[in-house]
Amino acid sequence: MLKQNGFMPSVMCSNMRSLEMDMVFYQEHFSYLHIDVCDGHFCPNIAAGPDIANALRKIAPMQMDYHFMTTEPEKIIPLFEIRSGDQVSIQIETLTAPSVLIRKLHDKGADVLLALKPATPLSVLEYLWEDIDGVNVMMIEPGYGKQIAQEKVFRKIADIRDEAARRGLYRLKIQVDGNVSTQHVKKMKKNGANQFVLGTSALFTDGYIDMKKYSGFTEIF
């Protein structure tokens, strides 16, 4: 059931000392592993270079849900072993030729989601809706911890759902990323979200898997 719900644990929130053991849990409960790729330019964090991401695949051969928060993603993405069945989210704010990169990733068999910062309007997708497989709705600013989900972004989730329905894109993936908590997830789901990135609000405490927190989250579904 959990795999069908589109839950994706965020490696960035994991404690590296227990990661190999945690990967056993991830493989049992989730279809995708969410990997944030940050270069310290587009957002302040530096996280998950290609060596780490490729090594995780060897530990547990799961499908990957990459989120590229980098400048010049066209140069960085080829360093990663993107495979058929993977998902790739790319910040729309960083792309100069989105259709070209989307086509290259589709050729690899990956699904492509365009990620939007909280203040980025849906108008940037005007000529891309039919090219993409989904939208990653950033509930917080990329790369900054301990933020509260911005209320206006809940409306954006519903706007994406409604626009997708208007265009007949009923299988569009609507992923929410940032502050996905028991407090917010009901509203996210009601507004149309169907994929949920799990971090400190739903799965981890001090970098370790918190089963009490996770059980409380999954009971909502």
N, C-alpha and C. Protein backbone atom coordinates (compact mmCIF):
# COMPACT_ATOMS: atom_id res chain seq x y z
N MET A 1 0.83 -1.21 0.00
CA MET A 1 0.00 0.00 0.00
C MET A 1 0.86 1.25 0.00
N LEU A 2 1.91 1.27 0.81
CA LEU A 2 2.72 2.47 0.92
C LEU A 2 3.38 2.82 -0.41
N LYS A 3 3.82 1.78 -1.14
CA LYS A 3 4.46 2.03 -2.41
C LYS A 3 3.49 2.69 -3.38
N GLN A 4 2.25 2.28 -3.35
CA GLN A 4 1.24 2.86 -4.24
C GLN A 4 0.94 4.31 -3.88
N ASN A 5 1.11 4.66 -2.63
CA ASN A 5 0.81 6.03 -2.19
C ASN A 5 1.85 7.04 -2.62
N GLY A 6 2.98 6.58 -3.13
CA GLY A 6 3.98 7.51 -3.63
C GLY A 6 4.79 8.17 -2.53
N PHE A 7 5.10 7.43 -1.47
CA PHE A 7 5.96 7.96 -0.43
C PHE A 7 7.42 7.75 -0.82
N MET A 8 8.26 8.78 -0.61
CA MET A 8 9.65 8.71 -1.03
C MET A 8 10.54 9.27 0.07
N PRO A 9 11.33 8.43 0.73
CA PRO A 9 12.20 8.92 1.80
C PRO A 9 13.35 9.74 1.24
N SER A 10 13.68 10.82 1.92
CA SER A 10 14.73 11.73 1.48
C SER A 10 16.07 11.35 2.11
N VAL A 11 17.03 10.97 1.26
CA VAL A 11 18.34 10.59 1.75
C VAL A 11 19.03 11.74 2.47
N MET A 12 18.77 12.98 2.03
CA MET A 12 19.40 14.15 2.65
C MET A 12 19.11 14.22 4.15
N CYS A 13 17.98 13.66 4.57
CA CYS A 13 17.61 13.72 5.98
C CYS A 13 18.15 12.54 6.79
N SER A 14 18.73 11.57 6.11
CA SER A 14 19.25 10.39 6.78
C SER A 14 20.58 10.67 7.48
N ASN A 15 20.85 9.93 8.54
CA ASN A 15 22.15 9.96 9.18
C ASN A 15 23.06 9.02 8.41
N MET A 16 24.17 9.51 7.90
CA MET A 16 25.04 8.70 7.07
C MET A 16 25.59 7.46 7.79
N ARG A 17 25.67 7.53 9.13
CA ARG A 17 26.21 6.39 9.89
C ARG A 17 25.28 5.19 9.86
N SER A 18 23.99 5.43 9.68
CA SER A 18 23.03 4.32 9.69
C SER A 18 22.42 4.09 8.31
N LEU A 19 22.94 4.77 7.31
CA LEU A 19 22.29 4.75 6.00
C LEU A 19 22.22 3.36 5.39
N GLU A 20 23.30 2.61 5.46
CA GLU A 20 23.28 1.29 4.84
C GLU A 20 22.22 0.39 5.47
N MET A 21 22.06 0.48 6.78
CA MET A 21 21.03 -0.28 7.47
C MET A 21 19.64 0.26 7.12
N ASP A 22 19.53 1.59 7.04
CA ASP A 22 18.25 2.19 6.70
C ASP A 22 17.79 1.79 5.30
N MET A 23 18.75 1.55 4.41
CA MET A 23 18.40 1.20 3.05
C MET A 23 17.59 -0.10 2.99
N VAL A 24 17.79 -0.99 3.95
CA VAL A 24 17.00 -2.21 4.02
C VAL A 24 15.54 -1.86 4.23
N PHE A 25 15.30 -0.93 5.16
CA PHE A 25 13.94 -0.48 5.45
C PHE A 25 13.33 0.21 4.22
N TYR A 26 14.12 1.07 3.58
CA TYR A 26 13.62 1.77 2.40
C TYR A 26 13.19 0.79 1.31
N GLN A 27 14.01 -0.20 1.09
CA GLN A 27 13.75 -1.15 0.02
C GLN A 27 12.47 -1.94 0.30
N GLU A 28 12.19 -2.22 1.57
CA GLU A 28 11.00 -2.98 1.94
C GLU A 28 9.72 -2.16 1.82
N HIS A 29 9.81 -0.83 2.04
CA HIS A 29 8.61 -0.02 2.17
C HIS A 29 8.35 0.95 1.02
N PHE A 30 9.35 1.23 0.21
CA PHE A 30 9.19 2.28 -0.80
C PHE A 30 9.66 1.81 -2.17
N SER A 31 9.05 2.38 -3.19
CA SER A 31 9.48 2.10 -4.57
C SER A 31 10.63 3.00 -4.98
N TYR A 32 10.62 4.25 -4.50
CA TYR A 32 11.61 5.24 -4.91
C TYR A 32 12.40 5.74 -3.70
N LEU A 33 13.64 6.10 -3.97
CA LEU A 33 14.48 6.78 -3.00
C LEU A 33 14.72 8.20 -3.50
N HIS A 34 14.38 9.19 -2.69
CA HIS A 34 14.50 10.59 -3.10
C HIS A 34 15.92 11.10 -2.82
N ILE A 35 16.56 11.59 -3.86
CA ILE A 35 17.93 12.07 -3.74
C ILE A 35 18.01 13.53 -4.17
N ASP A 36 18.33 14.39 -3.22
CA ASP A 36 18.53 15.81 -3.52
C ASP A 36 19.96 16.03 -4.01
N VAL A 37 20.08 16.69 -5.14
CA VAL A 37 21.38 17.02 -5.69
C VAL A 37 21.52 18.55 -5.64
N CYS A 38 22.42 19.04 -4.77
CA CYS A 38 22.59 20.49 -4.57
C CYS A 38 24.05 20.86 -4.82
N ASP A 39 24.26 21.98 -5.49
CA ASP A 39 25.64 22.35 -5.85
C ASP A 39 26.19 23.53 -5.07
N GLY A 40 25.40 24.06 -4.13
CA GLY A 40 25.87 25.21 -3.37
C GLY A 40 25.74 26.53 -4.10
N HIS A 41 25.18 26.52 -5.28
CA HIS A 41 24.99 27.74 -6.06
C HIS A 41 23.51 28.10 -6.17
N PHE A 42 22.72 27.19 -6.74
CA PHE A 42 21.29 27.46 -6.84
C PHE A 42 20.66 27.54 -5.45
N CYS A 43 21.10 26.66 -4.57
CA CYS A 43 20.66 26.70 -3.17
C CYS A 43 21.89 26.48 -2.29
N PRO A 44 21.86 26.85 -1.03
CA PRO A 44 23.07 26.90 -0.21
C PRO A 44 23.68 25.55 0.14
N ASN A 45 22.89 24.49 0.15
CA ASN A 45 23.44 23.20 0.54
C ASN A 45 24.28 22.57 -0.57
N ILE A 46 25.17 21.67 -0.18
CA ILE A 46 25.89 20.81 -1.12
C ILE A 46 25.56 19.38 -0.72
N ALA A 47 24.98 18.62 -1.65
CA ALA A 47 24.51 17.29 -1.27
C ALA A 47 24.50 16.34 -2.46
N ALA A 48 24.75 15.07 -2.17
CA ALA A 48 24.56 13.93 -3.07
C ALA A 48 25.17 14.12 -4.45
N GLY A 49 26.50 14.03 -4.50
CA GLY A 49 27.17 13.99 -5.78
C GLY A 49 26.93 12.65 -6.47
N PRO A 50 27.40 12.50 -7.70
CA PRO A 50 27.13 11.27 -8.45
C PRO A 50 27.71 10.01 -7.82
N ASP A 51 28.87 10.11 -7.17
CA ASP A 51 29.46 8.92 -6.55
C ASP A 51 28.56 8.37 -5.45
N ILE A 52 28.00 9.28 -4.64
CA ILE A 52 27.11 8.84 -3.55
C ILE A 52 25.84 8.24 -4.13
N ALA A 53 25.24 8.93 -5.08
CA ALA A 53 23.98 8.46 -5.66
C ALA A 53 24.15 7.12 -6.34
N ASN A 54 25.23 6.96 -7.08
CA ASN A 54 25.46 5.70 -7.78
C ASN A 54 25.77 4.57 -6.81
N ALA A 55 26.43 4.89 -5.68
CA ALA A 55 26.73 3.88 -4.67
C ALA A 55 25.45 3.40 -3.97
N LEU A 56 24.50 4.30 -3.76
CA LEU A 56 23.25 3.93 -3.11
C LEU A 56 22.50 2.89 -3.94
N ARG A 57 22.60 3.02 -5.24
CA ARG A 57 21.92 2.07 -6.12
C ARG A 57 22.50 0.66 -5.94
N LYS A 58 23.80 0.59 -5.67
CA LYS A 58 24.44 -0.71 -5.47
C LYS A 58 24.05 -1.33 -4.14
N ILE A 59 23.83 -0.47 -3.13
CA ILE A 59 23.41 -0.99 -1.81
C ILE A 59 22.00 -1.56 -1.90
N ALA A 60 21.11 -0.82 -2.55
CA ALA A 60 19.72 -1.25 -2.71
C ALA A 60 19.27 -0.85 -4.11
N PRO A 61 19.03 -1.83 -4.97
CA PRO A 61 18.68 -1.52 -6.36
C PRO A 61 17.26 -0.98 -6.51
N MET A 62 17.02 0.19 -5.93
CA MET A 62 15.71 0.83 -6.01
C MET A 62 15.66 1.80 -7.18
N GLN A 63 14.46 2.17 -7.55
CA GLN A 63 14.30 3.28 -8.48
C GLN A 63 14.61 4.58 -7.74
N MET A 64 15.20 5.51 -8.46
CA MET A 64 15.61 6.77 -7.87
C MET A 64 14.69 7.91 -8.28
N ASP A 65 14.45 8.78 -7.32
CA ASP A 65 13.68 10.00 -7.56
C ASP A 65 14.65 11.16 -7.33
N TYR A 66 15.34 11.57 -8.39
CA TYR A 66 16.34 12.63 -8.28
C TYR A 66 15.68 14.00 -8.28
N HIS A 67 16.24 14.91 -7.50
CA HIS A 67 15.80 16.31 -7.52
C HIS A 67 17.03 17.18 -7.70
N PHE A 68 17.19 17.73 -8.88
CA PHE A 68 18.35 18.54 -9.19
C PHE A 68 18.07 20.00 -8.88
N MET A 69 18.77 20.50 -7.86
CA MET A 69 18.71 21.90 -7.47
C MET A 69 20.10 22.50 -7.71
N THR A 70 20.41 22.67 -8.98
CA THR A 70 21.75 23.09 -9.38
C THR A 70 21.68 24.10 -10.51
N THR A 71 22.71 24.88 -10.66
CA THR A 71 22.85 25.66 -11.88
C THR A 71 23.36 24.73 -12.97
N GLU A 72 23.04 25.04 -14.19
CA GLU A 72 23.46 24.26 -15.36
C GLU A 72 23.21 22.75 -15.18
N PRO A 73 21.97 22.37 -14.92
CA PRO A 73 21.69 20.93 -14.74
C PRO A 73 22.01 20.11 -15.98
N GLU A 74 22.01 20.73 -17.15
CA GLU A 74 22.34 20.01 -18.39
C GLU A 74 23.75 19.41 -18.33
N LYS A 75 24.65 20.05 -17.59
CA LYS A 75 26.02 19.56 -17.46
C LYS A 75 26.17 18.55 -16.32
N ILE A 76 25.32 18.65 -15.32
CA ILE A 76 25.47 17.81 -14.12
C ILE A 76 24.73 16.49 -14.25
N ILE A 77 23.55 16.50 -14.84
CA ILE A 77 22.73 15.29 -14.91
C ILE A 77 23.44 14.13 -15.61
N PRO A 78 24.21 14.36 -16.69
CA PRO A 78 24.88 13.22 -17.34
C PRO A 78 25.89 12.48 -16.45
N LEU A 79 26.29 13.08 -15.33
CA LEU A 79 27.21 12.42 -14.41
C LEU A 79 26.53 11.32 -13.59
N PHE A 80 25.22 11.31 -13.61
CA PHE A 80 24.44 10.36 -12.81
C PHE A 80 23.93 9.22 -13.69
N GLU A 81 23.81 8.06 -13.08
CA GLU A 81 23.32 6.88 -13.80
C GLU A 81 21.79 6.88 -13.83
N ILE A 82 21.23 7.72 -14.66
CA ILE A 82 19.78 7.77 -14.80
C ILE A 82 19.34 6.55 -15.59
N ARG A 83 18.37 5.81 -15.04
CA ARG A 83 17.93 4.57 -15.66
C ARG A 83 16.44 4.59 -15.95
N SER A 84 16.02 3.66 -16.77
CA SER A 84 14.60 3.50 -17.07
C SER A 84 13.84 3.24 -15.77
N GLY A 85 12.74 3.94 -15.58
CA GLY A 85 11.94 3.80 -14.37
C GLY A 85 12.24 4.83 -13.30
N ASP A 86 13.36 5.54 -13.43
CA ASP A 86 13.68 6.60 -12.49
C ASP A 86 12.80 7.82 -12.73
N GLN A 87 12.76 8.70 -11.74
CA GLN A 87 12.13 10.01 -11.89
C GLN A 87 13.20 11.08 -11.72
N VAL A 88 13.07 12.14 -12.49
CA VAL A 88 14.03 13.24 -12.41
C VAL A 88 13.26 14.55 -12.31
N SER A 89 13.41 15.24 -11.17
CA SER A 89 12.85 16.57 -10.99
C SER A 89 13.95 17.60 -11.23
N ILE A 90 13.63 18.63 -11.99
CA ILE A 90 14.61 19.68 -12.28
C ILE A 90 13.94 21.02 -12.01
N GLN A 91 14.65 21.89 -11.33
CA GLN A 91 14.10 23.22 -11.06
C GLN A 91 13.96 23.99 -12.38
N ILE A 92 12.74 24.37 -12.69
CA ILE A 92 12.47 25.07 -13.95
C ILE A 92 13.25 26.38 -14.02
N GLU A 93 13.54 26.97 -12.87
CA GLU A 93 14.25 28.25 -12.84
C GLU A 93 15.68 28.15 -13.38
N THR A 94 16.20 26.92 -13.48
CA THR A 94 17.60 26.73 -13.88
C THR A 94 17.77 26.35 -15.34
N LEU A 95 16.67 26.12 -16.04
CA LEU A 95 16.76 25.55 -17.39
C LEU A 95 16.77 26.62 -18.48
N THR A 96 17.62 26.41 -19.46
CA THR A 96 17.68 27.30 -20.62
C THR A 96 17.02 26.68 -21.84
N ALA A 97 17.03 25.36 -21.93
CA ALA A 97 16.39 24.66 -23.06
C ALA A 97 15.67 23.43 -22.51
N PRO A 98 14.58 23.63 -21.78
CA PRO A 98 13.92 22.52 -21.08
C PRO A 98 13.49 21.38 -21.99
N SER A 99 12.97 21.69 -23.17
CA SER A 99 12.47 20.63 -24.05
C SER A 99 13.58 19.68 -24.47
N VAL A 100 14.78 20.21 -24.66
CA VAL A 100 15.91 19.38 -25.08
C VAL A 100 16.28 18.39 -23.98
N LEU A 101 16.40 18.87 -22.75
CA LEU A 101 16.77 18.00 -21.63
C LEU A 101 15.67 17.00 -21.33
N ILE A 102 14.44 17.43 -21.39
CA ILE A 102 13.31 16.53 -21.16
C ILE A 102 13.35 15.37 -22.16
N ARG A 103 13.59 15.68 -23.42
CA ARG A 103 13.65 14.64 -24.44
C ARG A 103 14.79 13.65 -24.18
N LYS A 104 15.95 14.15 -23.77
CA LYS A 104 17.09 13.27 -23.49
C LYS A 104 16.79 12.32 -22.32
N LEU A 105 16.12 12.82 -21.30
CA LEU A 105 15.78 11.98 -20.16
C LEU A 105 14.70 10.97 -20.52
N HIS A 106 13.74 11.38 -21.32
CA HIS A 106 12.73 10.43 -21.79
C HIS A 106 13.36 9.32 -22.63
N ASP A 107 14.39 9.66 -23.38
CA ASP A 107 15.10 8.65 -24.17
C ASP A 107 15.75 7.59 -23.29
N LYS A 108 16.08 7.96 -22.04
CA LYS A 108 16.66 7.01 -21.08
C LYS A 108 15.58 6.20 -20.37
N GLY A 109 14.31 6.55 -20.59
CA GLY A 109 13.22 5.85 -19.94
C GLY A 109 12.80 6.44 -18.60
N ALA A 110 13.31 7.62 -18.29
CA ALA A 110 12.97 8.27 -17.02
C ALA A 110 11.75 9.17 -17.18
N ASP A 111 10.99 9.32 -16.11
CA ASP A 111 9.93 10.32 -16.06
C ASP A 111 10.53 11.65 -15.62
N VAL A 112 9.99 12.74 -16.15
CA VAL A 112 10.53 14.06 -15.86
C VAL A 112 9.47 14.92 -15.19
N LEU A 113 9.85 15.48 -14.04
CA LEU A 113 9.01 16.45 -13.33
C LEU A 113 9.75 17.77 -13.30
N LEU A 114 9.04 18.84 -13.49
CA LEU A 114 9.63 20.16 -13.35
C LEU A 114 9.28 20.69 -11.97
N ALA A 115 10.30 21.12 -11.24
CA ALA A 115 10.12 21.61 -9.87
C ALA A 115 9.99 23.12 -9.88
N LEU A 116 9.08 23.63 -9.04
CA LEU A 116 8.81 25.06 -8.96
C LEU A 116 9.04 25.55 -7.54
N LYS A 117 9.85 26.59 -7.39
CA LYS A 117 10.00 27.25 -6.10
C LYS A 117 8.64 27.85 -5.69
N PRO A 118 8.45 28.15 -4.41
CA PRO A 118 7.15 28.65 -3.95
C PRO A 118 6.62 29.85 -4.73
N ALA A 119 7.50 30.77 -5.13
CA ALA A 119 7.03 31.99 -5.80
C ALA A 119 7.00 31.86 -7.32
N THR A 120 7.41 30.72 -7.86
CA THR A 120 7.41 30.55 -9.32
C THR A 120 6.00 30.26 -9.80
N PRO A 121 5.47 31.05 -10.73
CA PRO A 121 4.09 30.87 -11.19
C PRO A 121 3.95 29.70 -12.17
N LEU A 122 2.73 29.19 -12.28
CA LEU A 122 2.47 28.09 -13.21
C LEU A 122 2.62 28.50 -14.67
N SER A 123 2.62 29.77 -14.93
CA SER A 123 2.73 30.24 -16.31
C SER A 123 4.01 29.76 -16.98
N VAL A 124 5.05 29.43 -16.21
CA VAL A 124 6.30 28.97 -16.81
C VAL A 124 6.13 27.61 -17.48
N LEU A 125 5.03 26.91 -17.17
CA LEU A 125 4.78 25.60 -17.76
C LEU A 125 3.88 25.67 -18.99
N GLU A 126 3.53 26.85 -19.41
CA GLU A 126 2.50 27.03 -20.44
C GLU A 126 2.74 26.16 -21.68
N TYR A 127 3.95 26.09 -22.15
CA TYR A 127 4.22 25.33 -23.37
C TYR A 127 4.97 24.02 -23.10
N LEU A 128 4.86 23.55 -21.85
CA LEU A 128 5.59 22.34 -21.46
C LEU A 128 4.69 21.26 -20.87
N TRP A 129 3.44 21.56 -20.63
CA TRP A 129 2.55 20.62 -19.94
C TRP A 129 2.54 19.25 -20.62
N GLU A 130 2.44 19.22 -21.93
CA GLU A 130 2.33 17.95 -22.64
C GLU A 130 3.66 17.21 -22.73
N ASP A 131 4.76 17.88 -22.38
CA ASP A 131 6.08 17.26 -22.48
C ASP A 131 6.52 16.57 -21.19
N ILE A 132 5.90 16.91 -20.08
CA ILE A 132 6.38 16.44 -18.78
C ILE A 132 5.47 15.37 -18.19
N ASP A 133 6.00 14.69 -17.19
CA ASP A 133 5.25 13.63 -16.51
C ASP A 133 4.69 14.10 -15.17
N GLY A 134 5.17 15.25 -14.70
CA GLY A 134 4.68 15.73 -13.42
C GLY A 134 5.29 17.05 -13.03
N VAL A 135 4.82 17.53 -11.88
CA VAL A 135 5.30 18.80 -11.31
C VAL A 135 5.69 18.54 -9.86
N ASN A 136 6.87 19.03 -9.48
CA ASN A 136 7.32 18.96 -8.10
C ASN A 136 7.06 20.32 -7.47
N VAL A 137 6.14 20.34 -6.51
CA VAL A 137 5.75 21.59 -5.86
C VAL A 137 6.60 21.77 -4.61
N MET A 138 7.52 22.73 -4.66
CA MET A 138 8.34 23.02 -3.49
C MET A 138 7.51 23.82 -2.49
N MET A 139 7.31 23.22 -1.31
CA MET A 139 6.53 23.89 -0.27
C MET A 139 7.36 24.90 0.49
N ILE A 140 8.68 24.80 0.35
CA ILE A 140 9.62 25.69 1.03
C ILE A 140 10.70 26.11 0.04
N GLU A 141 11.54 27.06 0.42
CA GLU A 141 12.63 27.48 -0.45
C GLU A 141 13.71 26.39 -0.48
N PRO A 142 14.20 26.04 -1.64
CA PRO A 142 15.18 24.95 -1.75
C PRO A 142 16.44 25.22 -0.92
N GLY A 143 16.85 24.19 -0.17
CA GLY A 143 18.14 24.23 0.49
C GLY A 143 18.17 24.83 1.88
N TYR A 144 17.04 25.34 2.36
CA TYR A 144 17.02 25.95 3.70
C TYR A 144 16.20 25.07 4.64
N GLY A 145 16.79 24.70 5.77
CA GLY A 145 16.11 23.85 6.72
C GLY A 145 15.19 24.61 7.66
N LYS A 146 14.36 23.84 8.37
CA LYS A 146 13.48 24.34 9.42
C LYS A 146 12.55 25.46 8.93
N GLN A 147 12.03 25.28 7.73
CA GLN A 147 11.05 26.23 7.21
C GLN A 147 9.64 25.69 7.42
N ILE A 148 8.68 26.57 7.42
CA ILE A 148 7.27 26.20 7.50
C ILE A 148 6.68 26.28 6.09
N ALA A 149 5.87 25.30 5.73
CA ALA A 149 5.24 25.28 4.42
C ALA A 149 4.47 26.58 4.19
N GLN A 150 4.66 27.17 3.02
CA GLN A 150 4.03 28.44 2.71
C GLN A 150 2.57 28.23 2.29
N GLU A 151 1.66 28.92 2.94
CA GLU A 151 0.23 28.71 2.74
C GLU A 151 -0.19 28.88 1.29
N LYS A 152 0.42 29.83 0.60
CA LYS A 152 0.03 30.09 -0.80
C LYS A 152 0.33 28.90 -1.70
N VAL A 153 1.27 28.05 -1.30
CA VAL A 153 1.64 26.93 -2.15
C VAL A 153 0.60 25.83 -2.12
N PHE A 154 -0.20 25.75 -1.06
CA PHE A 154 -1.30 24.80 -1.05
C PHE A 154 -2.27 25.10 -2.19
N ARG A 155 -2.47 26.37 -2.44
CA ARG A 155 -3.33 26.78 -3.56
C ARG A 155 -2.70 26.39 -4.90
N LYS A 156 -1.38 26.44 -4.97
CA LYS A 156 -0.70 26.07 -6.21
C LYS A 156 -0.93 24.59 -6.53
N ILE A 157 -0.92 23.73 -5.49
CA ILE A 157 -1.19 22.31 -5.72
C ILE A 157 -2.54 22.13 -6.40
N ALA A 158 -3.55 22.80 -5.88
CA ALA A 158 -4.89 22.70 -6.46
C ALA A 158 -4.94 23.28 -7.86
N ASP A 159 -4.21 24.36 -8.08
CA ASP A 159 -4.18 24.97 -9.41
C ASP A 159 -3.57 24.01 -10.44
N ILE A 160 -2.53 23.29 -10.03
CA ILE A 160 -1.91 22.30 -10.93
C ILE A 160 -2.90 21.18 -11.23
N ARG A 161 -3.56 20.69 -10.20
CA ARG A 161 -4.58 19.64 -10.39
C ARG A 161 -5.66 20.09 -11.37
N ASP A 162 -6.14 21.30 -11.19
CA ASP A 162 -7.22 21.80 -12.04
C ASP A 162 -6.75 22.02 -13.48
N GLU A 163 -5.54 22.54 -13.64
CA GLU A 163 -5.01 22.78 -14.99
C GLU A 163 -4.75 21.45 -15.70
N ALA A 164 -4.25 20.47 -14.96
CA ALA A 164 -4.01 19.16 -15.55
C ALA A 164 -5.33 18.54 -16.02
N ALA A 165 -6.38 18.68 -15.20
CA ALA A 165 -7.70 18.15 -15.59
C ALA A 165 -8.24 18.88 -16.82
N ARG A 166 -8.04 20.17 -16.87
CA ARG A 166 -8.52 20.95 -18.02
C ARG A 166 -7.86 20.50 -19.31
N ARG A 167 -6.61 20.08 -19.20
CA ARG A 167 -5.86 19.64 -20.38
C ARG A 167 -5.98 18.13 -20.62
N GLY A 168 -6.69 17.43 -19.76
CA GLY A 168 -6.85 16.00 -19.91
C GLY A 168 -5.64 15.20 -19.46
N LEU A 169 -4.80 15.79 -18.62
CA LEU A 169 -3.58 15.13 -18.15
C LEU A 169 -3.86 14.47 -16.80
N TYR A 170 -4.70 13.45 -16.83
CA TYR A 170 -5.19 12.86 -15.58
C TYR A 170 -4.15 12.00 -14.87
N ARG A 171 -3.07 11.65 -15.54
CA ARG A 171 -2.03 10.83 -14.91
C ARG A 171 -0.83 11.67 -14.48
N LEU A 172 -0.97 12.97 -14.51
CA LEU A 172 0.14 13.84 -14.11
C LEU A 172 0.52 13.59 -12.66
N LYS A 173 1.80 13.48 -12.41
CA LYS A 173 2.30 13.32 -11.05
C LYS A 173 2.42 14.70 -10.41
N ILE A 174 1.87 14.83 -9.22
CA ILE A 174 1.98 16.08 -8.46
C ILE A 174 2.69 15.75 -7.16
N GLN A 175 3.96 16.08 -7.11
CA GLN A 175 4.80 15.76 -5.97
C GLN A 175 4.93 16.98 -5.06
N VAL A 176 4.86 16.75 -3.76
CA VAL A 176 5.08 17.83 -2.80
C VAL A 176 6.37 17.54 -2.04
N ASP A 177 7.16 18.59 -1.85
CA ASP A 177 8.49 18.44 -1.27
C ASP A 177 8.73 19.58 -0.28
N GLY A 178 8.92 19.22 0.99
CA GLY A 178 9.19 20.22 2.01
C GLY A 178 8.07 20.34 3.03
N ASN A 179 8.37 20.02 4.27
CA ASN A 179 7.41 20.14 5.37
C ASN A 179 6.16 19.29 5.15
N VAL A 180 6.38 18.08 4.60
CA VAL A 180 5.27 17.14 4.40
C VAL A 180 5.02 16.45 5.74
N SER A 181 4.10 16.98 6.51
CA SER A 181 3.88 16.53 7.89
C SER A 181 2.45 16.04 8.06
N THR A 182 2.19 15.43 9.22
CA THR A 182 0.82 15.02 9.54
C THR A 182 -0.11 16.22 9.59
N GLN A 183 0.42 17.37 9.92
CA GLN A 183 -0.38 18.59 9.98
C GLN A 183 -0.84 19.04 8.59
N HIS A 184 -0.01 18.78 7.59
CA HIS A 184 -0.28 19.35 6.26
C HIS A 184 -0.72 18.33 5.21
N VAL A 185 -0.41 17.05 5.42
CA VAL A 185 -0.56 16.09 4.33
C VAL A 185 -2.01 15.89 3.89
N LYS A 186 -2.96 15.99 4.82
CA LYS A 186 -4.37 15.84 4.42
C LYS A 186 -4.76 16.90 3.40
N LYS A 187 -4.35 18.13 3.66
CA LYS A 187 -4.69 19.21 2.73
C LYS A 187 -3.94 19.05 1.41
N MET A 188 -2.68 18.61 1.49
CA MET A 188 -1.92 18.38 0.26
C MET A 188 -2.61 17.34 -0.62
N LYS A 189 -3.02 16.24 0.01
CA LYS A 189 -3.69 15.17 -0.73
C LYS A 189 -5.03 15.63 -1.28
N LYS A 190 -5.79 16.34 -0.47
CA LYS A 190 -7.09 16.84 -0.90
C LYS A 190 -6.95 17.78 -2.10
N ASN A 191 -5.88 18.56 -2.12
CA ASN A 191 -5.68 19.52 -3.21
C ASN A 191 -5.12 18.88 -4.47
N GLY A 192 -4.74 17.59 -4.38
CA GLY A 192 -4.35 16.91 -5.60
C GLY A 192 -2.98 16.26 -5.59
N ALA A 193 -2.20 16.41 -4.53
CA ALA A 193 -0.88 15.80 -4.48
C ALA A 193 -1.00 14.28 -4.46
N ASN A 194 -0.12 13.60 -5.19
CA ASN A 194 -0.14 12.14 -5.21
C ASN A 194 1.24 11.52 -4.99
N GLN A 195 2.27 12.36 -4.78
CA GLN A 195 3.59 11.89 -4.37
C GLN A 195 4.09 12.77 -3.23
N PHE A 196 4.73 12.13 -2.24
CA PHE A 196 5.10 12.84 -1.03
C PHE A 196 6.54 12.51 -0.65
N VAL A 197 7.39 13.54 -0.59
CA VAL A 197 8.78 13.37 -0.16
C VAL A 197 8.81 13.43 1.36
N LEU A 198 9.33 12.38 1.98
CA LEU A 198 9.32 12.27 3.43
C LEU A 198 10.67 12.67 4.01
N GLY A 199 10.64 13.68 4.88
CA GLY A 199 11.85 14.15 5.55
C GLY A 199 11.65 14.16 7.04
N THR A 200 12.14 15.21 7.69
CA THR A 200 12.08 15.28 9.15
C THR A 200 10.66 15.44 9.67
N SER A 201 9.74 15.90 8.84
CA SER A 201 8.36 16.09 9.30
C SER A 201 7.57 14.79 9.35
N ALA A 202 8.04 13.76 8.64
CA ALA A 202 7.24 12.55 8.54
C ALA A 202 7.98 11.26 8.87
N LEU A 203 9.32 11.26 8.79
CA LEU A 203 10.03 9.99 8.89
C LEU A 203 11.25 10.01 9.81
N PHE A 204 11.93 11.15 9.92
CA PHE A 204 13.21 11.18 10.63
C PHE A 204 13.17 12.06 11.87
N THR A 205 13.97 11.67 12.85
CA THR A 205 14.27 12.50 14.01
C THR A 205 15.78 12.46 14.22
N ASP A 206 16.41 13.61 14.14
CA ASP A 206 17.87 13.71 14.27
C ASP A 206 18.60 12.77 13.31
N GLY A 207 18.03 12.58 12.12
CA GLY A 207 18.68 11.77 11.10
C GLY A 207 18.38 10.30 11.15
N TYR A 208 17.62 9.86 12.15
CA TYR A 208 17.31 8.44 12.28
C TYR A 208 15.83 8.19 12.00
N ILE A 209 15.53 7.03 11.46
CA ILE A 209 14.14 6.66 11.20
C ILE A 209 13.38 6.62 12.52
N ASP A 210 12.27 7.34 12.56
CA ASP A 210 11.43 7.43 13.75
C ASP A 210 10.12 6.71 13.43
N MET A 211 10.00 5.46 13.87
CA MET A 211 8.84 4.66 13.52
C MET A 211 7.54 5.20 14.13
N LYS A 212 7.63 5.82 15.29
CA LYS A 212 6.42 6.40 15.89
C LYS A 212 5.92 7.56 15.02
N LYS A 213 6.84 8.39 14.58
CA LYS A 213 6.46 9.51 13.72
C LYS A 213 5.91 9.00 12.39
N TYR A 214 6.60 8.00 11.84
CA TYR A 214 6.18 7.45 10.54
C TYR A 214 4.82 6.77 10.63
N SER A 215 4.57 6.04 11.70
CA SER A 215 3.28 5.37 11.87
C SER A 215 2.15 6.37 11.96
N GLY A 216 2.40 7.47 12.67
CA GLY A 216 1.39 8.52 12.75
C GLY A 216 1.09 9.14 11.39
N PHE A 217 2.12 9.25 10.58
CA PHE A 217 1.94 9.80 9.23
C PHE A 217 1.15 8.84 8.35
N THR A 218 1.53 7.57 8.35
CA THR A 218 0.87 6.61 7.45
C THR A 218 -0.56 6.32 7.84
N GLU A 219 -0.92 6.51 9.10
CA GLU A 219 -2.31 6.28 9.53
C GLU A 219 -3.29 7.19 8.80
N ILE A 220 -2.80 8.33 8.34
CA ILE A 220 -3.65 9.28 7.61
C ILE A 220 -4.11 8.68 6.29
N PHE A 221 -3.32 7.76 5.73
CA PHE A 221 -3.65 7.16 4.46
C PHE A 221 -4.38 5.83 4.62
